[in-house]
Amino acid sequence: MEAERLNGLRHDQLELLYGMMERMLQENAGSERTKRALTEFPAVVPVNSVYHEAGKREMSLRSLVDEYERFVGANHSNGYALSVKSGNWHLMNYFGDAMQLRNIRLREAEALLVYLQKHVAKGYRVYFRNIKAMFNKAIDWEYLEKNPFVKVKLPKRQETAPAYITHEELEEVRKHIPHSGIWDVVTFAFFTGCRLGEIRNLSWDNVDLPERLITVGSERFTTKTRKQRKIPVCKELFELLSRKADQREIISSRDEYVFAKEDRTPYSADFISKSFKRACKDAKLSPAIHFHSLRHSFASNLVQKGTSLYLVRELLGHSSITTTEIYSHVNIVSLRDAMKVFDAIQEPKQEAIILPINSNSEPSGNGPSSPRRSENIAPGEEHTDLNPERT
């Protein structure tokens, strides 16, 4: 068929023809018939964008999103999977189901960023990074040859310190949490730095009271970094867990949740977060404080007490020390000690008293007699401190 005849077809006819060819390609990928057909229709289906050496076929954006979400759900945490789905919802809302991967180029990627900045002002960075990761996976799966999102530069933002609370502020919050079960969750988060999902899924087989150790991560629950870690239990937390262990009437299984309702099911994340946020508001704390701030509080309080960032990293379960370095600024004591260097430079030098050399003469003055200047003091040593109490 000649290109002139193709140009005379309506858009819906071209779409129908394209669909027929795509089905043919799926059923007979790699056959000589398919290769010849694709070569004869360059104006409709360019060979380079549809058929590659390995028999790859063109894929729609919707197909990639569905396949990638299945992959993430099977290989990553529930929290990350939810974040990916949220970002992909905006992605599909912007491009629509008819969008083909080959039609998303740098210009379209930059336009999507503008859309996300407008509609998801607080979370657009996370969503954009997730989308870029999905397109990288599309390259690994040989659906694309290059990622149009790689060259898009995210605008720089002002790095702010993570919001955290002190132990005194925690006690103030306690006055506004009537639910004892929620208060136990809040206390546990403050003294362990665990994420909300980790706390909700903590079972008694992860708690070793004799050794005063908590194990985060198990076969039933996967942590964000997919790494198991151990957290020592402080005195206050030991008392809390011991009390909860004594309150258990029947120990039917070690895999029971530590923080659970009367029916032994875990509290919902939404209920915990909103209860804590409401208590912070009633306690007149900063609006920036939310449940995850308890994790920041754990790390910040450790750093302020002189704990090394490497130990804080192990306790938090960070995969990279770079993530932990956001807490390096909170060691105010060390910062103040560093600034004392300038205080020493600005301190005025003490003036020395020059005494008479004549050994027979007494120093004048109404006060008590001053010590005589030794005749053996060499030139240039006049500023030597002569007060024996300072040695």
Protein backbone atom coordinates (compact mmCIF):
# COMPACT_ATOMS: atom_id res chain seq x y z
CA MET A 1 0.00 0.00 0.00
CA GLU A 2 1.37 3.40 -0.94
CA ALA A 3 1.83 6.22 1.55
CA GLU A 4 -0.57 8.45 -0.45
CA ARG A 5 -3.42 6.05 0.12
CA LEU A 6 -2.65 5.89 3.84
CA ASN A 7 -2.71 9.66 4.14
CA GLY A 8 -6.27 9.67 2.85
CA LEU A 9 -7.57 7.51 5.71
CA ARG A 10 -9.49 9.04 8.58
CA HIS A 11 -8.04 9.02 12.08
CA ASP A 12 -10.42 6.28 13.27
CA GLN A 13 -9.50 4.15 10.26
CA LEU A 14 -5.81 4.55 11.03
CA GLU A 15 -6.45 3.58 14.64
CA LEU A 16 -8.34 0.47 13.50
CA LEU A 17 -5.54 -0.45 11.13
CA TYR A 18 -2.97 0.09 13.83
CA GLY A 19 -4.92 -2.15 16.23
CA MET A 20 -5.07 -4.94 13.66
CA MET A 21 -1.35 -4.71 13.07
CA GLU A 22 -0.58 -4.70 16.76
CA ARG A 23 -2.61 -7.89 17.29
CA MET A 24 -0.88 -9.46 14.33
CA LEU A 25 2.48 -8.53 15.77
CA GLN A 26 1.59 -10.06 19.14
CA GLU A 27 0.44 -13.31 17.53
CA ASN A 28 3.23 -13.64 15.01
CA ALA A 29 6.15 -11.63 16.45
CA GLY A 30 9.35 -12.57 14.68
CA SER A 31 7.76 -14.14 11.62
CA GLU A 32 8.78 -13.10 8.12
CA ARG A 33 5.18 -12.14 7.36
CA THR A 34 5.10 -9.69 10.24
CA LYS A 35 8.39 -8.12 9.23
CA ARG A 36 7.18 -7.62 5.65
CA ALA A 37 3.86 -6.15 6.83
CA LEU A 38 5.57 -3.64 9.09
CA THR A 39 7.92 -2.63 6.30
CA GLU A 40 4.96 -1.94 3.99
CA PHE A 41 3.23 0.41 6.47
CA PRO A 42 5.95 2.89 7.51
CA ALA A 43 3.55 5.83 7.47
CA VAL A 44 1.26 4.19 10.00
CA VAL A 45 3.55 2.13 12.21
CA PRO A 46 7.23 3.13 12.00
CA VAL A 47 9.37 0.02 12.11
CA ASN A 48 11.92 1.41 14.57
CA SER A 49 9.29 2.37 17.15
CA VAL A 50 7.24 -0.82 16.98
CA TYR A 51 9.42 -3.71 15.91
CA HIS A 52 12.96 -4.08 17.19
CA GLU A 53 15.57 -6.75 16.74
CA ALA A 54 14.36 -8.77 19.73
CA GLY A 55 10.73 -8.71 18.61
CA LYS A 56 9.65 -5.99 21.06
CA ARG A 57 6.21 -4.50 20.57
CA GLU A 58 4.93 -1.03 21.23
CA MET A 59 3.29 -0.65 24.62
CA SER A 60 0.68 1.74 25.92
CA LEU A 61 1.26 3.73 29.08
CA ARG A 62 -1.66 1.97 30.75
CA SER A 63 -0.11 -1.45 30.09
CA LEU A 64 3.20 -0.36 31.62
CA VAL A 65 1.48 1.11 34.69
CA ASP A 66 -0.50 -2.08 35.32
CA GLU A 67 2.51 -4.34 34.91
CA TYR A 68 4.78 -2.15 37.02
CA GLU A 69 2.26 -1.90 39.85
CA ARG A 70 2.00 -5.69 39.96
CA PHE A 71 5.79 -5.90 40.09
CA VAL A 72 6.06 -3.33 42.90
CA GLY A 73 3.29 -4.98 44.89
CA ALA A 74 5.13 -8.29 44.81
CA ASN A 75 8.63 -6.97 45.50
CA HIS A 76 8.31 -3.85 47.66
CA SER A 77 6.64 -2.69 50.85
CA ASN A 78 2.96 -1.83 50.98
CA GLY A 79 3.81 1.81 51.69
CA TYR A 80 5.97 2.12 48.59
CA ALA A 81 3.37 0.31 46.48
CA LEU A 82 0.73 2.77 47.65
CA SER A 83 2.99 5.70 46.81
CA VAL A 84 3.59 4.32 43.32
CA LYS A 85 -0.13 3.86 42.73
CA SER A 86 -0.88 7.39 43.91
CA GLY A 87 1.69 8.87 41.53
CA ASN A 88 0.51 6.71 38.65
CA TRP A 89 -3.05 7.88 39.20
CA HIS A 90 -1.92 11.44 38.47
CA LEU A 91 0.18 10.18 35.56
CA MET A 92 -2.81 8.50 33.91
CA ASN A 93 -5.11 11.37 34.76
CA TYR A 94 -2.80 13.69 32.83
CA PHE A 95 -1.96 11.53 29.79
CA GLY A 96 -5.03 9.30 29.52
CA ASP A 97 -5.34 5.60 28.66
CA ALA A 98 -4.66 6.11 24.94
CA MET A 99 -1.12 7.43 25.45
CA GLN A 100 1.65 5.28 23.96
CA LEU A 101 5.09 5.11 25.58
CA ARG A 102 6.83 6.21 22.38
CA ASN A 103 4.88 9.49 22.47
CA ILE A 104 6.21 10.55 25.87
CA ARG A 105 9.32 12.63 25.28
CA LEU A 106 11.20 15.28 27.23
CA ARG A 107 8.60 17.96 26.50
CA GLU A 108 5.77 15.74 27.78
CA ALA A 109 7.80 14.79 30.85
CA GLU A 110 8.42 18.43 31.72
CA ALA A 111 4.74 19.23 31.21
CA LEU A 112 3.83 16.42 33.61
CA LEU A 113 6.14 17.93 36.23
CA VAL A 114 4.33 21.27 35.95
CA TYR A 115 1.01 19.46 36.35
CA LEU A 116 2.23 17.61 39.47
CA GLN A 117 3.59 20.81 41.01
CA LYS A 118 0.19 22.41 40.61
CA HIS A 119 -1.99 19.51 41.79
CA VAL A 120 0.29 17.78 44.33
CA ALA A 121 2.38 20.61 45.74
CA LYS A 122 3.65 18.66 48.77
CA GLY A 123 4.22 15.26 47.21
CA TYR A 124 5.16 15.94 43.62
CA ARG A 125 8.83 15.14 44.15
CA VAL A 126 8.11 11.66 45.43
CA TYR A 127 5.59 10.96 42.68
CA PHE A 128 7.97 12.21 40.00
CA ARG A 129 10.84 10.05 41.27
CA ASN A 130 8.54 7.01 41.34
CA ILE A 131 7.45 7.64 37.76
CA LYS A 132 11.05 8.02 36.65
CA ALA A 133 11.89 4.71 38.35
CA MET A 134 9.02 3.04 36.48
CA PHE A 135 10.38 4.24 33.15
CA ASN A 136 13.83 2.96 34.08
CA LYS A 137 12.24 -0.43 34.65
CA ALA A 138 10.58 -0.13 31.23
CA ILE A 139 14.07 0.14 29.76
CA ASP A 140 15.14 -2.98 31.67
CA TRP A 141 12.08 -4.75 30.27
CA GLU A 142 13.04 -3.54 26.78
CA TYR A 143 9.86 -1.52 26.24
CA LEU A 144 11.88 1.69 25.85
CA GLU A 145 15.37 2.65 24.75
CA LYS A 146 15.69 5.77 26.87
CA ASN A 147 13.93 7.44 29.78
CA PRO A 148 12.42 10.86 28.94
CA PHE A 149 12.26 11.75 32.65
CA VAL A 150 16.01 11.48 33.26
CA LYS A 151 16.79 14.91 31.83
CA VAL A 152 14.04 16.70 33.75
CA LYS A 153 15.57 18.77 36.53
CA LEU A 154 13.57 19.13 39.72
CA PRO A 155 13.74 22.65 41.17
CA LYS A 156 15.97 23.01 44.20
CA ARG A 157 14.18 23.50 47.48
CA GLN A 158 15.11 24.87 50.87
CA GLU A 159 16.18 22.02 53.12
CA THR A 160 14.47 22.35 56.49
CA ALA A 161 15.15 20.58 59.75
CA PRO A 162 12.81 17.67 60.53
CA ALA A 163 10.22 18.58 63.14
CA TYR A 164 10.61 16.78 66.47
CA ILE A 165 9.45 17.01 70.08
CA THR A 166 11.22 16.74 73.42
CA HIS A 167 10.37 14.40 76.29
CA GLU A 168 8.72 17.30 78.11
CA GLU A 169 6.51 18.02 75.09
CA LEU A 170 5.67 14.33 74.87
CA GLU A 171 4.35 14.44 78.43
CA GLU A 172 2.23 17.45 77.49
CA VAL A 173 0.77 15.51 74.56
CA ARG A 174 -0.03 12.67 76.92
CA LYS A 175 -2.58 14.84 78.72
CA HIS A 176 -4.63 14.98 75.53
CA ILE A 177 -4.63 11.28 74.59
CA PRO A 178 -7.36 9.58 76.63
CA HIS A 179 -7.00 6.28 74.78
CA SER A 180 -4.38 4.22 76.64
CA GLY A 181 -3.74 1.96 73.65
CA ILE A 182 -2.89 4.91 71.41
CA TRP A 183 -0.68 6.41 74.12
CA ASP A 184 1.27 3.13 74.25
CA VAL A 185 1.81 3.32 70.48
CA VAL A 186 3.01 6.93 70.75
CA THR A 187 5.40 6.10 73.59
CA PHE A 188 6.79 3.12 71.71
CA ALA A 189 7.41 5.26 68.62
CA PHE A 190 9.18 7.95 70.65
CA PHE A 191 11.58 5.50 72.30
CA THR A 192 12.29 3.25 69.30
CA GLY A 193 12.01 5.46 66.21
CA CYS A 194 9.95 2.76 64.50
CA ARG A 195 7.72 3.61 61.57
CA LEU A 196 3.96 3.40 62.06
CA GLY A 197 3.68 0.32 59.86
CA GLU A 198 6.43 -1.41 61.83
CA ILE A 199 4.63 -0.72 65.12
CA ARG A 200 1.23 -1.87 63.87
CA ASN A 201 2.70 -5.16 62.65
CA LEU A 202 4.89 -5.83 65.70
CA SER A 203 4.02 -9.19 67.27
CA TRP A 204 5.07 -10.71 70.56
CA ASP A 205 7.50 -13.08 68.88
CA ASN A 206 9.46 -9.94 67.92
CA VAL A 207 9.80 -8.93 71.59
CA ASP A 208 12.47 -10.46 73.85
CA LEU A 209 11.79 -9.02 77.30
CA PRO A 210 14.52 -11.02 79.16
CA GLU A 211 17.13 -9.68 76.74
CA ARG A 212 15.34 -6.32 76.41
CA LEU A 213 15.46 -6.44 72.63
CA ILE A 214 12.95 -5.74 69.86
CA THR A 215 13.34 -7.24 66.39
CA VAL A 216 11.85 -5.19 63.55
CA GLY A 217 11.03 -7.18 60.44
CA SER A 218 9.94 -10.78 60.04
CA GLU A 219 8.68 -13.27 57.48
CA ARG A 220 5.18 -11.91 57.99
CA PHE A 221 6.15 -8.23 57.84
CA THR A 222 8.70 -6.70 55.50
CA THR A 223 10.40 -3.43 56.47
CA LYS A 224 10.83 -0.54 54.06
CA THR A 225 14.47 -1.42 53.39
CA ARG A 226 13.80 -5.19 53.59
CA LYS A 227 16.40 -5.46 56.33
CA GLN A 228 15.79 -6.79 59.81
CA ARG A 229 17.14 -4.74 62.71
CA LYS A 230 17.27 -4.97 66.50
CA ILE A 231 16.50 -2.16 68.93
CA PRO A 232 17.44 -2.31 72.64
CA VAL A 233 14.62 -1.50 75.06
CA CYS A 234 15.07 1.41 77.47
CA LYS A 235 13.72 1.36 81.03
CA GLU A 236 10.48 3.23 80.32
CA LEU A 237 9.73 1.06 77.30
CA PHE A 238 10.53 -2.12 79.25
CA GLU A 239 7.96 -1.15 81.87
CA LEU A 240 5.36 -0.47 79.16
CA LEU A 241 5.91 -3.82 77.42
CA SER A 242 6.00 -5.71 80.73
CA ARG A 243 2.68 -4.18 81.71
CA LYS A 244 1.12 -5.10 78.38
CA ALA A 245 2.47 -8.65 78.64
CA ASP A 246 0.92 -9.02 82.12
CA GLN A 247 -2.42 -7.74 80.84
CA ARG A 248 -2.72 -10.49 78.25
CA GLU A 249 -5.24 -12.96 79.55
CA ILE A 250 -4.58 -15.80 77.13
CA ILE A 251 -1.39 -16.34 75.19
CA SER A 252 -2.85 -18.21 72.26
CA SER A 253 0.01 -17.48 69.90
CA ARG A 254 3.30 -15.65 69.91
CA ASP A 255 2.34 -13.98 66.64
CA GLU A 256 -0.34 -11.86 68.31
CA TYR A 257 0.01 -8.13 67.74
CA VAL A 258 1.58 -6.15 70.59
CA PHE A 259 -0.59 -3.09 69.97
CA ALA A 260 -4.09 -4.32 69.25
CA LYS A 261 -7.74 -3.68 69.98
CA GLU A 262 -9.89 -5.91 72.13
CA ASP A 263 -10.54 -8.18 69.17
CA ARG A 264 -6.73 -8.51 68.82
CA THR A 265 -6.60 -6.77 65.46
CA PRO A 266 -4.20 -3.86 65.02
CA TYR A 267 -5.33 -0.25 65.20
CA SER A 268 -5.74 1.40 61.82
CA ALA A 269 -2.95 3.74 60.74
CA ASP A 270 -5.46 6.52 60.13
CA PHE A 271 -6.90 6.26 63.64
CA ILE A 272 -3.45 6.40 65.25
CA SER A 273 -2.23 9.31 63.14
CA LYS A 274 -5.33 11.44 63.61
CA SER A 275 -5.44 10.78 67.36
CA PHE A 276 -1.84 11.91 67.74
CA LYS A 277 -2.30 14.94 65.48
CA ARG A 278 -5.37 16.03 67.44
CA ALA A 279 -3.48 15.70 70.74
CA CYS A 280 -0.58 17.80 69.38
CA LYS A 281 -3.01 20.50 68.35
CA ASP A 282 -4.64 20.50 71.80
CA ALA A 283 -1.18 20.68 73.38
CA LYS A 284 -0.47 23.74 71.19
CA LEU A 285 2.56 22.17 69.52
CA SER A 286 3.79 23.16 66.09
CA PRO A 287 1.42 22.27 63.21
CA ALA A 288 4.42 20.63 61.56
CA ILE A 289 4.35 17.82 64.14
CA HIS A 290 2.75 14.57 62.95
CA PHE A 291 3.16 10.91 63.86
CA HIS A 292 6.32 10.42 61.80
CA SER A 293 7.82 13.28 63.84
CA LEU A 294 8.18 10.75 66.67
CA ARG A 295 10.75 8.94 64.54
CA HIS A 296 12.54 12.25 64.00
CA SER A 297 12.33 12.88 67.74
CA PHE A 298 14.00 9.57 68.53
CA ALA A 299 16.90 10.33 66.20
CA SER A 300 17.23 13.99 67.17
CA ASN A 301 17.29 13.28 70.89
CA LEU A 302 19.99 10.63 70.39
CA VAL A 303 22.16 13.00 68.36
CA GLN A 304 21.77 15.75 70.95
CA LYS A 305 23.06 13.34 73.59
CA GLY A 306 26.18 12.68 71.53
CA THR A 307 25.22 9.40 69.81
CA SER A 308 27.10 8.92 66.54
CA LEU A 309 25.20 9.12 63.28
CA TYR A 310 26.33 5.60 62.38
CA LEU A 311 24.62 4.15 65.45
CA VAL A 312 21.52 6.24 64.77
CA ARG A 313 21.52 4.87 61.24
CA GLU A 314 21.53 1.29 62.53
CA LEU A 315 18.71 1.96 64.98
CA LEU A 316 16.55 3.67 62.33
CA GLY A 317 17.30 1.08 59.69
CA HIS A 318 18.44 3.57 57.04
CA SER A 319 20.05 1.97 54.00
CA SER A 320 22.33 4.98 53.52
CA ILE A 321 24.13 7.26 55.98
CA THR A 322 23.12 10.17 53.74
CA THR A 323 19.54 9.80 54.95
CA THR A 324 20.69 9.92 58.58
CA GLU A 325 22.76 13.05 58.03
CA ILE A 326 19.64 15.23 58.13
CA TYR A 327 19.92 14.94 61.92
CA SER A 328 23.52 16.19 62.08
CA HIS A 329 22.37 19.78 62.66
CA VAL A 330 20.53 19.03 65.91
CA ASN A 331 23.63 18.57 68.04
CA ILE A 332 23.47 22.17 69.27
CA VAL A 333 25.99 21.53 72.06
CA SER A 334 28.69 20.57 69.55
CA LEU A 335 27.86 23.55 67.36
CA ARG A 336 28.17 25.91 70.32
CA ASP A 337 31.48 24.37 71.34
CA ALA A 338 32.75 24.95 67.82
CA MET A 339 31.79 28.63 67.97
CA LYS A 340 33.78 29.13 71.19
CA VAL A 341 36.85 29.39 68.99
CA PHE A 342 35.77 32.92 68.11
CA ASP A 343 35.13 33.77 71.78
CA ALA A 344 38.75 32.89 72.58
CA ILE A 345 40.02 35.17 69.79
CA GLN A 346 38.06 38.16 71.09
CA GLU A 347 39.03 37.78 74.76
CA PRO A 348 41.21 40.80 75.85
CA LYS A 349 44.71 40.06 77.08
CA GLN A 350 45.33 40.68 80.79
CA GLU A 351 47.64 43.62 81.55
CA ALA A 352 50.67 42.69 83.65
CA ILE A 353 51.83 44.78 86.65
CA ILE A 354 55.41 46.00 86.31
CA LEU A 355 57.10 46.11 89.73
CA PRO A 356 60.15 48.21 90.73
CA ILE A 357 63.52 46.55 90.30
CA ASN A 358 64.99 48.09 93.52
CA SER A 359 64.84 45.29 96.10
CA ASN A 360 64.97 47.77 99.03
CA SER A 361 61.85 49.64 98.00
CA GLU A 362 58.32 48.48 98.80
CA PRO A 363 55.52 48.78 96.24
CA SER A 364 53.31 51.74 96.82
CA GLY A 365 49.57 51.52 97.26
CA ASN A 366 46.91 51.38 99.92
CA GLY A 367 46.22 47.67 99.51
CA PRO A 368 48.21 44.70 100.75
CA SER A 369 51.79 44.38 99.71
CA SER A 370 52.31 42.89 96.27
CA PRO A 371 54.97 40.23 95.70
CA ARG A 372 58.40 41.48 94.68
CA ARG A 373 59.54 41.10 91.12
CA SER A 374 62.31 38.56 90.92
CA GLU A 375 65.55 39.91 89.59
CA ASN A 376 66.05 36.62 87.76
CA ILE A 377 63.08 37.23 85.43
CA ALA A 378 64.44 37.47 81.93
CA PRO A 379 63.35 40.20 79.53
CA GLY A 380 60.07 39.33 77.80
CA GLU A 381 58.74 37.38 80.82
CA GLU A 382 57.06 40.34 82.50
CA HIS A 383 53.60 38.88 81.72
CA THR A 384 54.17 35.71 83.76
CA ASP A 385 51.30 35.05 86.18
CA LEU A 386 52.79 35.42 89.71
CA ASN A 387 49.74 34.18 91.60
CA PRO A 388 50.74 30.76 93.00
CA GLU A 389 47.08 29.75 93.42
CA ARG A 390 46.60 29.59 89.65
CA THR A 391 49.27 27.02 88.97
